[in-house]
Amino acid sequence: MSQAFVKEEDGQWLHDIPGSLQALINYLMRENNGIRVYNKKTTMENGREVYAMSNGFSYAKNAEGRWEML
């Protein structure tokens, strides 16, 4: 399983991260061994904001307001 989904030391999942962009950035930075991850681009797709991050992946919130990797 990709490290982007779970924080190994306490089992924290991506979808458990609070809905703010800063919380997502902090989570991704922890998962990236402390290397800074930042938002490269924000677009609207199907009525929701999609964040293209510097780690090469895109993230958005689902209908419940939880983060998911696209």
N, C-alpha and C. Protein backbone atom coordinates (compact mmCIF):
# COMPACT_ATOMS: atom_id res chain seq x y z
N MET A 1 0.85 -1.18 0.00
CA MET A 1 0.00 0.00 0.00
C MET A 1 0.89 1.24 0.00
N SER A 2 0.46 2.23 -0.71
CA SER A 2 1.23 3.47 -0.81
C SER A 2 1.30 4.18 0.53
N GLN A 3 2.46 4.78 0.80
CA GLN A 3 2.60 5.55 2.04
C GLN A 3 1.71 6.77 2.04
N ALA A 4 1.21 7.19 0.89
CA ALA A 4 0.34 8.36 0.84
C ALA A 4 -0.99 8.09 1.54
N PHE A 5 -1.31 6.82 1.77
CA PHE A 5 -2.60 6.49 2.37
C PHE A 5 -2.58 6.35 3.88
N VAL A 6 -1.48 5.95 4.43
CA VAL A 6 -1.48 5.66 5.86
C VAL A 6 -0.19 6.15 6.51
N LYS A 7 -0.35 6.70 7.68
CA LYS A 7 0.80 7.09 8.50
C LYS A 7 1.15 5.89 9.36
N GLU A 8 2.30 5.33 9.15
CA GLU A 8 2.64 4.04 9.75
C GLU A 8 2.65 4.03 11.27
N GLU A 9 3.17 5.06 11.91
CA GLU A 9 3.33 4.97 13.36
C GLU A 9 2.04 5.00 14.16
N ASP A 10 0.98 5.60 13.63
CA ASP A 10 -0.28 5.58 14.39
C ASP A 10 -1.48 5.22 13.54
N GLY A 11 -1.26 4.76 12.32
CA GLY A 11 -2.35 4.27 11.50
C GLY A 11 -3.28 5.36 10.98
N GLN A 12 -2.83 6.55 10.84
CA GLN A 12 -3.69 7.64 10.37
C GLN A 12 -3.85 7.53 8.86
N TRP A 13 -5.08 7.55 8.40
CA TRP A 13 -5.40 7.42 6.98
C TRP A 13 -5.63 8.80 6.37
N LEU A 14 -5.42 8.89 5.07
CA LEU A 14 -5.64 10.14 4.35
C LEU A 14 -7.04 10.67 4.58
N HIS A 15 -8.02 9.81 4.53
CA HIS A 15 -9.42 10.27 4.69
C HIS A 15 -9.74 10.70 6.12
N ASP A 16 -8.82 10.47 7.07
CA ASP A 16 -9.03 10.92 8.45
C ASP A 16 -8.45 12.31 8.71
N ILE A 17 -7.72 12.86 7.74
CA ILE A 17 -7.11 14.17 7.89
C ILE A 17 -8.19 15.24 7.85
N PRO A 18 -8.13 16.26 8.71
CA PRO A 18 -9.12 17.35 8.64
C PRO A 18 -9.17 17.97 7.24
N GLY A 19 -10.29 18.59 6.91
CA GLY A 19 -10.56 19.07 5.56
C GLY A 19 -9.82 20.30 5.08
N SER A 20 -8.91 20.85 5.86
CA SER A 20 -8.20 22.05 5.40
C SER A 20 -7.01 21.67 4.52
N LEU A 21 -6.66 22.57 3.62
CA LEU A 21 -5.51 22.35 2.75
C LEU A 21 -4.23 22.27 3.57
N GLN A 22 -4.11 23.07 4.60
CA GLN A 22 -2.91 23.04 5.44
C GLN A 22 -2.76 21.69 6.14
N ALA A 23 -3.86 21.10 6.58
CA ALA A 23 -3.80 19.77 7.21
C ALA A 23 -3.33 18.74 6.19
N LEU A 24 -3.80 18.83 4.94
CA LEU A 24 -3.35 17.93 3.90
C LEU A 24 -1.86 18.09 3.65
N ILE A 25 -1.40 19.33 3.55
CA ILE A 25 0.02 19.60 3.33
C ILE A 25 0.87 19.03 4.45
N ASN A 26 0.45 19.23 5.68
CA ASN A 26 1.20 18.70 6.84
C ASN A 26 1.26 17.18 6.80
N TYR A 27 0.16 16.54 6.48
CA TYR A 27 0.11 15.09 6.39
C TYR A 27 1.04 14.58 5.29
N LEU A 28 0.97 15.20 4.11
CA LEU A 28 1.80 14.76 3.00
C LEU A 28 3.29 14.99 3.29
N MET A 29 3.60 16.06 3.99
CA MET A 29 4.99 16.33 4.34
C MET A 29 5.51 15.26 5.30
N ARG A 30 4.71 14.86 6.26
CA ARG A 30 5.11 13.78 7.17
C ARG A 30 5.33 12.49 6.39
N GLU A 31 4.46 12.21 5.44
CA GLU A 31 4.56 11.00 4.64
C GLU A 31 5.73 11.04 3.67
N ASN A 32 6.22 12.24 3.40
CA ASN A 32 7.33 12.44 2.46
C ASN A 32 8.65 12.66 3.21
N ASN A 33 8.74 12.10 4.40
CA ASN A 33 9.96 12.18 5.23
C ASN A 33 10.41 13.61 5.49
N GLY A 34 9.45 14.50 5.70
CA GLY A 34 9.76 15.88 6.05
C GLY A 34 10.05 16.79 4.88
N ILE A 35 10.06 16.25 3.66
CA ILE A 35 10.30 17.09 2.48
C ILE A 35 9.03 17.87 2.19
N ARG A 36 9.19 19.17 2.00
CA ARG A 36 8.04 20.06 1.81
C ARG A 36 7.22 19.65 0.60
N VAL A 37 5.91 19.60 0.78
CA VAL A 37 4.95 19.35 -0.29
C VAL A 37 4.08 20.59 -0.37
N TYR A 38 3.83 21.06 -1.57
CA TYR A 38 3.02 22.28 -1.71
C TYR A 38 2.02 22.11 -2.84
N ASN A 39 1.02 22.98 -2.85
CA ASN A 39 -0.02 22.99 -3.87
C ASN A 39 0.53 23.67 -5.12
N LYS A 40 0.60 22.94 -6.21
CA LYS A 40 1.09 23.50 -7.47
C LYS A 40 -0.02 24.18 -8.26
N LYS A 41 -1.23 23.62 -8.18
CA LYS A 41 -2.32 24.13 -9.00
C LYS A 41 -3.65 23.67 -8.42
N THR A 42 -4.64 24.56 -8.46
CA THR A 42 -5.99 24.21 -8.02
C THR A 42 -6.93 24.40 -9.20
N THR A 43 -7.73 23.38 -9.47
CA THR A 43 -8.70 23.44 -10.56
C THR A 43 -10.06 23.00 -10.04
N MET A 44 -11.09 23.29 -10.81
CA MET A 44 -12.43 22.81 -10.50
C MET A 44 -12.77 21.68 -11.46
N GLU A 45 -13.15 20.53 -10.91
CA GLU A 45 -13.55 19.38 -11.71
C GLU A 45 -14.79 18.78 -11.09
N ASN A 46 -15.83 18.68 -11.90
CA ASN A 46 -17.10 18.10 -11.43
C ASN A 46 -17.61 18.79 -10.17
N GLY A 47 -17.45 20.09 -10.10
CA GLY A 47 -17.97 20.86 -8.99
C GLY A 47 -17.16 20.82 -7.71
N ARG A 48 -15.95 20.31 -7.76
CA ARG A 48 -15.13 20.31 -6.55
C ARG A 48 -13.70 20.74 -6.88
N GLU A 49 -13.04 21.28 -5.87
CA GLU A 49 -11.67 21.74 -6.05
C GLU A 49 -10.73 20.55 -6.05
N VAL A 50 -9.83 20.54 -7.02
CA VAL A 50 -8.82 19.49 -7.13
C VAL A 50 -7.47 20.17 -6.98
N TYR A 51 -6.67 19.64 -6.07
CA TYR A 51 -5.36 20.21 -5.76
C TYR A 51 -4.27 19.32 -6.34
N ALA A 52 -3.51 19.84 -7.28
CA ALA A 52 -2.35 19.13 -7.83
C ALA A 52 -1.17 19.50 -6.94
N MET A 53 -0.62 18.51 -6.27
CA MET A 53 0.43 18.76 -5.30
C MET A 53 1.80 18.46 -5.88
N SER A 54 2.83 18.98 -5.25
CA SER A 54 4.20 18.84 -5.73
C SER A 54 4.72 17.41 -5.63
N ASN A 55 4.01 16.52 -4.97
CA ASN A 55 4.42 15.11 -4.88
C ASN A 55 3.97 14.32 -6.11
N GLY A 56 3.31 15.00 -7.05
CA GLY A 56 2.89 14.35 -8.29
C GLY A 56 1.49 13.78 -8.27
N PHE A 57 0.79 13.92 -7.17
CA PHE A 57 -0.57 13.39 -7.07
C PHE A 57 -1.57 14.54 -6.92
N SER A 58 -2.83 14.24 -7.23
CA SER A 58 -3.91 15.21 -7.06
C SER A 58 -4.85 14.71 -5.98
N TYR A 59 -5.39 15.65 -5.23
CA TYR A 59 -6.26 15.34 -4.10
C TYR A 59 -7.50 16.21 -4.18
N ALA A 60 -8.61 15.69 -3.68
CA ALA A 60 -9.85 16.44 -3.59
C ALA A 60 -10.64 15.90 -2.40
N LYS A 61 -11.64 16.64 -2.00
CA LYS A 61 -12.52 16.18 -0.93
C LYS A 61 -13.72 15.48 -1.57
N ASN A 62 -14.14 14.38 -0.97
CA ASN A 62 -15.31 13.67 -1.47
C ASN A 62 -16.59 14.33 -0.93
N ALA A 63 -17.72 13.72 -1.20
CA ALA A 63 -19.02 14.29 -0.79
C ALA A 63 -19.14 14.46 0.72
N GLU A 64 -18.40 13.65 1.48
CA GLU A 64 -18.43 13.75 2.95
C GLU A 64 -17.40 14.73 3.49
N GLY A 65 -16.64 15.39 2.60
CA GLY A 65 -15.64 16.35 3.03
C GLY A 65 -14.33 15.72 3.46
N ARG A 66 -14.10 14.46 3.08
CA ARG A 66 -12.87 13.76 3.43
C ARG A 66 -11.92 13.77 2.23
N TRP A 67 -10.63 13.84 2.50
CA TRP A 67 -9.63 13.86 1.44
C TRP A 67 -9.56 12.50 0.75
N GLU A 68 -9.32 12.56 -0.58
CA GLU A 68 -9.06 11.36 -1.34
C GLU A 68 -8.06 11.66 -2.44
N MET A 69 -7.29 10.66 -2.80
CA MET A 69 -6.32 10.81 -3.88
C MET A 69 -7.04 10.47 -5.18
N LEU A 70 -6.80 11.28 -6.19
CA LEU A 70 -7.44 11.01 -7.48
C LEU A 70 -6.53 10.23 -8.39
